[in-house]
Amino acid sequence: MAIHFLTGKIEFHTNGDSEIKDLTADVEKVIEENNFTEGNILLFVPGSTAALTTIEFEPGLLKDYPEFMERLIPSGKIYHHDMTWHDGNGHSHLRAALQGPSLHIPFLNGKLILGTWQQIIFIDFDTRPRERTVVYQVIGA
């Protein structure tokens, strides 16, 4: 079995303010269109105000998740970062650091190994709209 490597990007627009995007179909498309059947895909956010994780992408959690982050790391507080850069997004950096910039997901028979109610999500914690990129690296056959 020959092992192949592929690196690429998924690019999209976000509105900021804890907007959540479901990237599951985009990631599945990468695997399918490149004829991978078994391996792993690494996803990484280049940037310090956004993050990746998995949750059930449903209306309740799309409200609960940002509310949870607001309780943990409030947006109305003054952070040292804000005093340095005067951009008002210190909370965005802290939330992204807490959540993390990457995911590593196995796949088999051309399908991601995710739970029934588990989707890959991107969260933009920044305070303004942005053009975003998620870099992927696939290793597999």
Protein backbone atom coordinates (compact mmCIF):
# COMPACT_ATOMS: atom_id res chain seq x y z
CA MET A 1 0.00 0.00 0.00
CA ALA A 2 1.54 3.30 -1.11
CA ILE A 3 1.29 6.20 1.32
CA HIS A 4 0.44 9.60 -0.15
CA PHE A 5 0.68 13.10 1.30
CA LEU A 6 -1.44 16.12 0.46
CA THR A 7 -1.41 19.66 1.85
CA GLY A 8 -3.99 22.30 0.99
CA LYS A 9 -6.32 24.99 2.29
CA ILE A 10 -9.99 25.49 3.00
CA GLU A 11 -10.80 29.20 2.72
CA PHE A 12 -13.97 31.03 3.79
CA HIS A 13 -15.38 34.26 5.22
CA THR A 14 -16.53 34.73 8.81
CA ASN A 15 -18.34 37.49 10.67
CA GLY A 16 -16.38 37.13 13.93
CA ASP A 17 -18.02 37.37 17.37
CA SER A 18 -17.87 33.59 18.03
CA GLU A 19 -19.37 32.60 14.69
CA ILE A 20 -19.27 28.83 14.28
CA LYS A 21 -18.81 27.15 10.88
CA ASP A 22 -19.34 23.44 10.20
CA LEU A 23 -16.36 22.26 8.13
CA THR A 24 -17.24 18.54 8.11
CA ALA A 25 -18.44 18.45 4.48
CA ASP A 26 -15.38 20.42 3.32
CA VAL A 27 -13.03 17.95 5.02
CA GLU A 28 -14.94 14.94 3.67
CA LYS A 29 -14.69 16.45 0.18
CA VAL A 30 -10.88 16.68 0.44
CA ILE A 31 -10.65 12.98 1.27
CA GLU A 32 -13.17 11.92 -1.39
CA GLU A 33 -11.89 14.08 -4.26
CA ASN A 34 -8.32 12.91 -3.70
CA ASN A 35 -9.27 9.22 -3.52
CA PHE A 36 -7.95 8.57 -0.02
CA THR A 37 -9.38 5.49 1.68
CA GLU A 38 -7.42 5.16 4.93
CA GLY A 39 -5.26 7.53 6.94
CA ASN A 40 -5.35 10.73 8.96
CA ILE A 41 -6.12 14.37 8.28
CA LEU A 42 -4.60 17.17 10.29
CA LEU A 43 -6.45 20.50 10.35
CA PHE A 44 -4.74 23.68 11.56
CA VAL A 45 -5.82 27.33 11.93
CA PRO A 46 -3.04 29.79 11.10
CA GLY A 47 -4.07 32.68 13.32
CA SER A 48 -4.43 33.42 17.00
CA THR A 49 -8.11 34.37 17.32
CA ALA A 50 -9.85 31.25 15.95
CA ALA A 51 -9.96 27.58 16.87
CA LEU A 52 -11.13 24.11 15.87
CA THR A 53 -12.99 21.42 17.77
CA THR A 54 -15.84 18.95 17.36
CA ILE A 55 -19.38 19.33 18.68
CA GLU A 56 -22.87 18.48 17.57
CA PHE A 57 -23.68 21.27 15.10
CA GLU A 58 -27.23 22.02 16.27
CA PRO A 59 -29.05 25.26 17.19
CA GLY A 60 -28.88 24.79 20.97
CA LEU A 61 -25.13 24.18 21.08
CA LEU A 62 -24.54 26.99 18.58
CA LYS A 63 -25.91 29.28 21.31
CA ASP A 64 -24.51 27.38 24.31
CA TYR A 65 -20.90 27.32 23.11
CA PRO A 66 -20.44 31.12 22.71
CA GLU A 67 -22.32 31.69 25.99
CA PHE A 68 -20.00 29.21 27.73
CA MET A 69 -16.91 31.00 26.39
CA GLU A 70 -18.36 34.36 27.46
CA ARG A 71 -18.69 33.05 31.03
CA LEU A 72 -15.14 31.66 31.02
CA ILE A 73 -13.40 34.55 29.27
CA PRO A 74 -15.68 37.62 29.23
CA SER A 75 -15.47 40.05 26.32
CA GLY A 76 -16.26 43.12 28.44
CA LYS A 77 -13.10 42.88 30.54
CA ILE A 78 -9.93 44.88 29.81
CA TYR A 79 -7.03 42.56 29.02
CA HIS A 80 -3.33 43.44 28.94
CA HIS A 81 -3.32 42.63 25.23
CA ASP A 82 -5.93 45.34 24.67
CA MET A 83 -3.78 47.86 26.49
CA THR A 84 -0.81 46.95 24.29
CA TRP A 85 -2.52 46.87 20.89
CA HIS A 86 -5.77 48.81 21.52
CA ASP A 87 -7.72 46.37 19.32
CA GLY A 88 -10.22 45.11 21.90
CA ASN A 89 -9.72 41.42 21.12
CA GLY A 90 -7.69 40.19 24.08
CA HIS A 91 -10.54 37.83 24.96
CA SER A 92 -10.43 36.45 21.39
CA HIS A 93 -6.80 35.40 21.78
CA LEU A 94 -7.42 33.76 25.14
CA ARG A 95 -10.46 31.84 23.92
CA ALA A 96 -8.58 30.58 20.86
CA ALA A 97 -5.61 29.53 23.00
CA LEU A 98 -7.91 27.66 25.37
CA GLN A 99 -9.71 25.82 22.57
CA GLY A 100 -6.66 25.13 20.38
CA PRO A 101 -5.71 25.57 16.72
CA SER A 102 -5.73 22.00 15.45
CA LEU A 103 -7.51 18.66 15.11
CA HIS A 104 -6.22 15.29 13.95
CA ILE A 105 -8.91 12.93 12.63
CA PRO A 106 -8.53 9.38 11.31
CA PHE A 107 -10.52 8.08 8.35
CA LEU A 108 -11.24 4.58 7.03
CA ASN A 109 -12.96 3.41 3.84
CA GLY A 110 -12.92 7.05 2.71
CA LYS A 111 -15.01 8.21 5.70
CA LEU A 112 -14.02 10.31 8.69
CA ILE A 113 -14.18 8.39 11.94
CA LEU A 114 -16.54 10.71 13.81
CA GLY A 115 -19.40 9.97 16.16
CA THR A 116 -22.96 10.11 14.86
CA TRP A 117 -23.53 13.63 16.24
CA GLN A 118 -19.95 14.88 15.94
CA GLN A 119 -19.05 17.58 13.42
CA ILE A 120 -15.82 19.48 12.79
CA ILE A 121 -16.29 23.12 13.67
CA PHE A 122 -14.32 26.33 13.25
CA ILE A 123 -14.95 29.12 15.77
CA ASP A 124 -13.98 32.70 14.98
CA PHE A 125 -13.49 34.46 18.30
CA ASP A 126 -12.28 37.74 16.77
CA THR A 127 -14.30 40.95 17.00
CA ARG A 128 -14.64 41.62 13.27
CA PRO A 129 -15.30 39.84 9.95
CA ARG A 130 -12.32 38.00 8.52
CA GLU A 131 -11.16 35.93 5.58
CA ARG A 132 -10.08 32.66 7.20
CA THR A 133 -7.98 29.67 6.20
CA VAL A 134 -7.75 26.17 7.61
CA VAL A 135 -4.70 24.25 6.40
CA TYR A 136 -5.04 20.50 5.99
CA GLN A 137 -2.45 17.77 5.65
CA VAL A 138 -3.57 14.29 4.67
CA ILE A 139 -1.41 11.22 5.14
CA GLY A 140 -2.88 8.02 3.84
CA ALA A 141 -3.60 5.61 1.06
